[in-house]
Protein backbone atom coordinates (compact mmCIF):
# COMPACT_ATOMS: atom_id res chain seq x y z
CA MET A 1 -15.88 -106.11 126.97
CA VAL A 2 -19.45 -107.40 127.23
CA PHE A 3 -22.01 -104.70 126.42
CA ILE A 4 -24.99 -104.64 128.79
CA LYS A 5 -27.98 -103.25 126.91
CA THR A 6 -30.57 -100.88 128.35
CA GLU A 7 -34.31 -101.54 128.06
CA LYS A 8 -34.42 -98.94 125.28
CA GLU A 9 -31.65 -100.69 123.35
CA ILE A 10 -33.31 -104.07 123.73
CA GLU A 11 -36.60 -102.62 122.51
CA ILE A 12 -34.88 -101.48 119.30
CA MET A 13 -33.30 -104.93 118.94
CA ARG A 14 -36.73 -106.48 119.51
CA GLN A 15 -38.14 -104.39 116.66
CA GLY A 16 -35.25 -105.35 114.41
CA GLY A 17 -35.52 -108.98 115.47
CA LYS A 18 -39.18 -109.14 114.45
CA ILE A 19 -38.30 -107.73 111.04
CA LEU A 20 -35.48 -110.26 110.68
CA ALA A 21 -37.79 -113.14 111.61
CA LYS A 22 -40.29 -111.99 108.97
CA ILE A 23 -37.54 -111.85 106.33
CA LEU A 24 -36.36 -115.39 107.17
CA ASP A 25 -39.97 -116.56 107.09
CA GLU A 26 -40.43 -115.14 103.59
CA LEU A 27 -37.09 -116.58 102.45
CA GLU A 28 -38.11 -120.04 103.62
CA LYS A 29 -41.21 -119.85 101.41
CA LYS A 30 -38.94 -119.37 98.38
CA ILE A 31 -36.98 -122.58 99.01
CA LYS A 32 -37.92 -125.15 96.36
CA PRO A 33 -36.19 -127.12 93.59
CA GLY A 34 -34.96 -124.74 90.90
CA THR A 35 -34.48 -121.72 93.17
CA ASN A 36 -31.35 -119.72 92.41
CA THR A 37 -29.38 -118.88 95.57
CA PHE A 38 -28.39 -115.49 94.17
CA PHE A 39 -32.09 -114.67 93.84
CA LEU A 40 -32.45 -115.41 97.58
CA ASN A 41 -29.73 -112.86 98.32
CA GLU A 42 -31.44 -110.13 96.28
CA PHE A 43 -34.84 -111.02 97.76
CA ALA A 44 -33.47 -110.64 101.31
CA GLU A 45 -31.82 -107.31 100.47
CA ASN A 46 -35.04 -105.93 98.98
CA LEU A 47 -37.13 -107.06 101.94
CA ALA A 48 -34.73 -105.43 104.40
CA ALA A 49 -34.91 -102.15 102.47
CA ARG A 50 -38.71 -102.31 102.48
CA PHE A 51 -38.62 -102.47 106.30
CA GLY A 52 -36.19 -99.56 106.57
CA ALA A 53 -33.29 -101.82 107.58
CA LYS A 54 -29.96 -102.90 106.12
CA PRO A 55 -28.19 -106.26 105.84
CA SER A 56 -25.38 -106.33 108.38
CA PHE A 57 -23.16 -108.92 106.68
CA LYS A 58 -22.64 -107.12 103.36
CA GLY A 59 -19.20 -105.55 103.46
CA TYR A 60 -18.49 -106.88 106.97
CA LYS A 61 -14.84 -107.92 106.80
CA ASN A 62 -15.38 -107.59 103.02
CA TYR A 63 -18.08 -110.27 102.83
CA PRO A 64 -19.45 -109.73 99.30
CA ALA A 65 -23.11 -110.68 99.87
CA SER A 66 -25.99 -109.95 102.24
CA LEU A 67 -27.21 -113.49 102.88
CA CYS A 68 -25.23 -116.60 103.77
CA VAL A 69 -26.61 -119.61 101.87
CA SER A 70 -25.01 -122.90 102.92
CA VAL A 71 -26.05 -126.06 101.08
CA ASN A 72 -25.64 -129.67 102.28
CA SER A 73 -22.02 -130.09 103.48
CA GLU A 74 -21.53 -126.31 103.65
CA VAL A 75 -21.57 -125.37 107.34
CA VAL A 76 -21.80 -121.56 107.33
CA HIS A 77 -20.94 -118.45 105.29
CA GLY A 78 -21.83 -120.01 101.96
CA LEU A 79 -21.74 -117.45 99.17
CA PRO A 80 -25.04 -117.04 97.27
CA LYS A 81 -23.63 -117.59 93.81
CA GLN A 82 -25.63 -118.67 90.79
CA LYS A 83 -26.32 -122.05 92.37
CA ILE A 84 -29.59 -123.85 91.71
CA LEU A 85 -31.19 -125.74 94.60
CA LYS A 86 -32.30 -129.28 93.85
CA GLU A 87 -34.69 -131.80 95.37
CA GLY A 88 -33.24 -133.34 98.53
CA ASP A 89 -30.84 -130.50 99.38
CA ILE A 90 -30.84 -128.86 102.78
CA VAL A 91 -30.01 -125.16 102.87
CA GLY A 92 -28.91 -122.95 105.75
CA LEU A 93 -30.11 -119.34 105.57
CA ASP A 94 -28.17 -116.94 107.80
CA PHE A 95 -29.06 -113.24 107.76
CA GLY A 96 -28.01 -110.33 109.93
CA LEU A 97 -29.94 -107.07 110.18
CA PHE A 98 -28.93 -103.51 111.07
CA TYR A 99 -31.92 -101.52 112.31
CA LYS A 100 -31.89 -98.12 114.04
CA GLY A 101 -28.26 -98.56 115.06
CA TYR A 102 -28.44 -102.13 116.40
CA TYR A 103 -27.73 -105.60 115.06
CA THR A 104 -29.64 -108.86 115.26
CA ASP A 105 -28.72 -112.25 113.82
CA MET A 106 -30.78 -115.31 112.86
CA ALA A 107 -30.40 -118.54 110.91
CA LYS A 108 -32.46 -121.58 110.00
CA THR A 109 -31.95 -124.68 107.87
CA VAL A 110 -34.72 -125.94 105.61
CA GLY A 111 -35.20 -128.85 103.26
CA VAL A 112 -35.65 -128.53 99.51
CA GLY A 113 -38.61 -130.64 98.48
CA LYS A 114 -38.46 -134.20 99.79
CA ILE A 115 -35.36 -134.79 101.92
CA SER A 116 -33.80 -137.90 103.44
CA SER A 117 -34.68 -139.22 106.89
CA LEU A 118 -31.13 -138.40 108.00
CA ALA A 119 -31.54 -134.78 106.88
CA LYS A 120 -34.89 -134.52 108.65
CA ARG A 121 -33.41 -135.85 111.88
CA LEU A 122 -30.38 -133.57 111.64
CA ILE A 123 -32.63 -130.52 111.24
CA PHE A 124 -34.85 -131.61 114.14
CA VAL A 125 -31.92 -132.26 116.48
CA THR A 126 -30.17 -128.97 115.65
CA LYS A 127 -33.32 -126.92 116.19
CA LYS A 128 -34.04 -128.75 119.45
CA ALA A 129 -30.43 -128.16 120.57
CA LEU A 130 -30.94 -124.43 120.04
CA ASP A 131 -34.11 -124.55 122.15
CA LEU A 132 -32.29 -126.39 124.94
CA GLY A 133 -29.41 -123.92 124.83
CA ILE A 134 -31.78 -120.95 125.05
CA ALA A 135 -33.51 -122.58 128.03
CA GLN A 136 -30.25 -122.20 129.97
CA VAL A 137 -30.19 -118.41 129.44
CA ARG A 138 -30.98 -116.68 132.74
CA PRO A 139 -29.16 -114.46 135.23
CA GLY A 140 -26.62 -116.37 137.30
CA ASN A 141 -26.09 -119.15 134.79
CA HIS A 142 -22.90 -119.37 132.76
CA VAL A 143 -22.15 -119.54 129.06
CA GLY A 144 -20.93 -123.07 129.73
CA ASP A 145 -24.45 -124.09 130.74
CA ILE A 146 -25.67 -123.13 127.26
CA SER A 147 -22.73 -124.89 125.63
CA PHE A 148 -23.17 -128.10 127.63
CA ALA A 149 -26.91 -128.33 126.93
CA ILE A 150 -26.32 -128.06 123.19
CA GLN A 151 -23.39 -130.47 123.07
CA ASN A 152 -25.01 -133.06 125.32
CA TYR A 153 -28.19 -133.26 123.27
CA VAL A 154 -26.45 -133.27 119.88
CA GLU A 155 -23.93 -135.96 120.80
CA SER A 156 -26.57 -138.11 122.52
CA ASN A 157 -28.29 -138.23 119.13
CA GLY A 158 -25.17 -139.39 117.30
CA PHE A 159 -24.24 -136.09 115.67
CA SER A 160 -21.33 -133.72 116.35
CA VAL A 161 -21.00 -130.03 117.12
CA VAL A 162 -18.57 -127.85 115.17
CA ARG A 163 -15.78 -126.62 117.44
CA ASP A 164 -13.97 -124.18 115.17
CA LEU A 165 -16.95 -121.80 114.93
CA VAL A 166 -19.00 -120.39 117.81
CA GLY A 167 -21.88 -118.11 118.74
CA HIS A 168 -21.30 -114.62 120.10
CA GLY A 169 -22.64 -111.48 121.65
CA VAL A 170 -24.54 -109.16 119.31
CA GLY A 171 -26.26 -105.77 119.41
CA ARG A 172 -24.05 -102.73 119.26
CA LYS A 173 -21.77 -104.63 116.89
CA VAL A 174 -22.19 -107.56 114.50
CA HIS A 175 -19.95 -109.63 116.77
CA GLU A 176 -19.37 -108.80 120.44
CA PRO A 177 -17.99 -110.68 123.44
CA PRO A 178 -18.62 -113.18 124.84
CA GLN A 179 -18.05 -116.17 122.60
CA VAL A 180 -20.79 -118.79 122.96
CA PRO A 181 -19.37 -122.21 122.00
CA ASN A 182 -21.65 -125.16 121.28
CA PHE A 183 -19.53 -127.38 123.52
CA GLY A 184 -18.39 -126.94 127.11
CA GLU A 185 -18.92 -127.60 130.79
CA LYS A 186 -21.68 -126.55 133.15
CA GLY A 187 -20.76 -123.62 135.37
CA LYS A 188 -17.83 -122.53 133.19
CA GLY A 189 -17.39 -119.32 131.23
CA ILE A 190 -18.73 -115.86 131.83
CA LYS A 191 -21.74 -115.46 134.14
CA LEU A 192 -24.92 -114.26 132.46
CA GLU A 193 -26.62 -111.09 133.62
CA LYS A 194 -29.64 -109.06 132.64
CA GLY A 195 -29.09 -106.95 129.52
CA MET A 196 -26.72 -109.32 127.74
CA THR A 197 -27.75 -110.14 124.18
CA LEU A 198 -26.40 -113.32 122.63
CA ALA A 199 -26.47 -114.93 119.20
CA ILE A 200 -26.76 -118.63 120.06
CA GLU A 201 -26.14 -120.78 117.00
CA PRO A 202 -25.63 -124.56 117.02
CA MET A 203 -23.73 -125.78 113.95
CA VAL A 204 -24.19 -129.53 113.82
CA ASN A 205 -22.64 -132.11 111.51
CA ALA A 206 -24.10 -135.50 110.65
CA GLY A 207 -20.54 -136.86 110.64
CA LYS A 208 -17.37 -135.68 112.33
CA PRO A 209 -16.97 -132.15 113.77
CA GLU A 210 -13.99 -131.05 111.67
CA VAL A 211 -14.48 -128.29 109.09
CA ARG A 212 -12.30 -126.62 106.47
CA LEU A 213 -12.41 -123.32 104.60
CA LEU A 214 -12.92 -123.38 100.83
CA PRO A 215 -10.65 -121.37 98.50
CA ASP A 216 -13.33 -118.65 98.23
CA GLY A 217 -12.15 -117.56 101.70
CA TRP A 218 -15.63 -117.68 103.23
CA THR A 219 -17.43 -120.99 102.94
CA PHE A 220 -16.79 -123.57 105.65
CA VAL A 221 -17.57 -127.19 104.76
CA THR A 222 -17.43 -130.48 106.64
CA CYS A 223 -14.12 -132.26 106.14
CA ASP A 224 -15.81 -135.63 105.67
CA GLY A 225 -18.48 -134.35 103.27
CA SER A 226 -21.32 -135.04 105.70
CA LEU A 227 -24.43 -132.88 105.93
CA SER A 228 -24.35 -129.85 108.22
CA CYS A 229 -27.17 -127.87 109.84
CA HIS A 230 -27.35 -124.40 111.42
CA PHE A 231 -29.97 -122.64 113.54
CA GLU A 232 -29.61 -119.30 115.35
CA HIS A 233 -31.57 -116.82 117.44
CA THR A 234 -30.69 -113.51 119.08
CA VAL A 235 -31.59 -113.85 122.76
CA ALA A 236 -31.71 -111.29 125.58
CA VAL A 237 -31.08 -112.14 129.23
CA THR A 238 -34.03 -110.84 131.25
CA ASN A 239 -34.74 -110.46 134.97
CA ASP A 240 -36.14 -113.94 135.33
CA GLY A 241 -34.92 -115.77 132.24
CA ASN A 242 -34.66 -114.90 128.57
CA GLU A 243 -36.45 -113.46 125.56
CA ILE A 244 -35.95 -114.55 121.98
CA LEU A 245 -35.71 -111.28 120.06
CA THR A 246 -35.71 -112.82 116.57
CA LYS A 247 -39.29 -114.00 116.43
CA ILE A 248 -42.50 -112.61 115.01
C-alpha cells in the first residue's frame, strides 16, 4: 500500500529533511585522510540528538549502527567499524532520520583528499543521474520514468546501475511501497500522484552491475571489485512537480 501524505505530514518531513541535510553537510566536512569511520557514526548520532531527532537505521532489522559508511567497492550498508579513511578513497554516507514520527533518508558520496579522475567522474555521473531521476517526479508520470532517466544517463556514460538494490517509498515507515528501481522503461510501474514521498537513490558501479553480500550480513560490494557510488534524496510529489525534502 502506497501512503499518500497530507500537507501536515509533508511539512514534518520537510523539517526532518532539513535537519538530515545539515547532518550530512557536517559529516562531509569530517571526511579527510585519517578519519575513523566509527567516529563518523558517533558524530552523526550526537548531531541527531542535538536536533531532537533519532537515527532511523539503528536497530532497524537489527542493523547495529546509525550511519552506513561504504568505502570504494562497498555499494551500500557498510558498517562503520574502526576503519581509517585514506587518501584517494571515496566514501558513501547514508543516514536516515526519525523526526516527530516521520522518516527521511539521504545519502551522498564524497572523495577523501585527492581522488582519481575515474572516481571524480563516477561521483559526478551518479549525482547527475539522481538529478535527472528527480526531474521525472510529477503527477501522472510513472516510477518507470524515474528509473529510465537514471539508467539511460548512467549507461550512456559507461557505468552500470545496481539491479539487486532499489529506492523506495519513505515517510511513515523507513521503507514503504513503491519500489523505485534505477533501471526500467518509460511509462511502466505505478503512477505518481501528489502526496507520495520517495527515496530515490542511484547506486552506480564503475564496472559491472553485480553485487554480493559480505559475511557481516550487511555490506554489499561490487563483485568485480570496481568502485561504487551512491546518492539519495527524499522527494515529495507536488501539484505541479516535486520538492526535494532533504535539503537545507
